[in-house]
Amino acid sequence: MRPVLDGLRIDLVLPPRGEEYVIHRVYRGCTSEIRVKPGSERTLTVDGQRVEDLVVRDKPGVTRRVVEVTLPV
C-alpha cells in the first residue's frame, strides 16, 4: 500500500501459503479494514463497489471503510 495524490493505492501480495489476512490502516482520518484473500483474479471492492484501478479514493466525511482484495494464487 502506498499513498497517491487522490487516495491509497492497494498493491498487495498473498503470503506463500495463500492464506487470508486482514490489515487495519488509518489514512487521512479514515480507518480502512482491508481483507485480503485468494481468488482467480485480482479484484478490489470498497464498501461493496468494485474499483478498477486499485486506488481507494478519499471521500470527505467518510471515517470507516471495508476494502476487499482478491489476489490470484
Protein backbone atom coordinates (compact mmCIF):
# COMPACT_ATOMS: atom_id res chain seq x y z
CA MET A 1 0.00 0.00 0.00
CA ARG A 2 1.17 3.48 -0.74
CA PRO A 3 -0.33 6.95 -0.73
CA VAL A 4 -1.10 8.61 -4.05
CA LEU A 5 -2.48 12.06 -4.81
CA ASP A 6 -6.17 11.14 -4.53
CA GLY A 7 -6.12 8.19 -2.14
CA LEU A 8 -4.41 4.96 -1.13
CA ARG A 9 -3.11 2.55 -3.78
CA ILE A 10 -3.61 -1.09 -2.83
CA ASP A 11 -0.85 -3.28 -4.27
CA LEU A 12 -0.56 -6.33 -2.01
CA VAL A 13 0.58 -9.95 -2.33
CA LEU A 14 -0.55 -13.15 -0.66
CA PRO A 15 1.79 -14.92 1.77
CA PRO A 16 3.50 -18.05 0.36
CA ARG A 17 0.75 -20.35 1.64
CA GLY A 18 -2.03 -18.21 0.15
CA GLU A 19 -3.74 -17.51 3.47
CA GLU A 20 -6.28 -14.77 4.05
CA TYR A 21 -5.32 -11.82 6.24
CA VAL A 22 -6.73 -8.50 7.47
CA ILE A 23 -4.97 -5.15 7.75
CA HIS A 24 -6.30 -2.08 9.57
CA ARG A 25 -4.94 1.19 8.21
CA VAL A 26 -5.73 4.80 9.16
CA TYR A 27 -5.08 7.20 6.32
CA ARG A 28 -6.23 10.83 6.13
CA GLY A 29 -8.65 10.33 9.01
CA CYS A 30 -10.34 7.24 7.55
CA THR A 31 -9.94 3.76 9.05
CA SER A 32 -9.85 1.04 6.39
CA GLU A 33 -10.33 -2.62 7.19
CA ILE A 34 -8.55 -4.35 4.30
CA ARG A 35 -9.38 -8.02 3.83
CA VAL A 36 -7.04 -9.91 1.50
CA LYS A 37 -7.95 -13.36 0.20
CA PRO A 38 -7.00 -15.74 -2.63
CA GLY A 39 -9.10 -15.95 -5.78
CA SER A 40 -8.97 -16.46 -9.52
CA GLU A 41 -8.31 -12.81 -10.45
CA ARG A 42 -7.15 -9.53 -8.91
CA THR A 43 -10.14 -7.50 -7.71
CA LEU A 44 -10.72 -4.62 -5.31
CA THR A 45 -14.02 -3.56 -3.77
CA VAL A 46 -14.57 -0.61 -1.45
CA ASP A 47 -17.77 -0.76 0.60
CA GLY A 48 -19.16 -3.26 -1.90
CA GLN A 49 -18.33 -1.23 -5.02
CA ARG A 50 -15.76 -2.64 -7.46
CA VAL A 51 -12.75 -0.39 -8.15
CA GLU A 52 -10.82 -0.99 -11.38
CA ASP A 53 -7.60 0.96 -10.78
CA LEU A 54 -6.76 -0.39 -7.28
CA VAL A 55 -6.95 3.08 -5.66
CA VAL A 56 -9.13 3.64 -2.60
CA ARG A 57 -10.13 7.25 -3.21
CA ASP A 58 -10.58 9.82 -0.43
CA LYS A 59 -14.19 10.78 0.30
CA PRO A 60 -14.94 13.76 2.53
CA GLY A 61 -16.76 12.79 5.71
CA VAL A 62 -16.07 9.05 5.42
CA THR A 63 -14.31 7.76 8.54
CA ARG A 64 -14.58 3.97 8.07
CA ARG A 65 -14.35 1.68 5.04
CA VAL A 66 -14.31 -2.03 4.26
CA VAL A 67 -11.91 -2.92 1.46
CA GLU A 68 -11.84 -6.43 0.00
CA VAL A 69 -8.91 -7.52 -2.14
CA THR A 70 -8.84 -10.78 -4.08
CA LEU A 71 -5.49 -11.92 -5.48
CA PRO A 72 -4.68 -14.80 -7.80
CA VAL A 73 -2.82 -17.66 -6.17
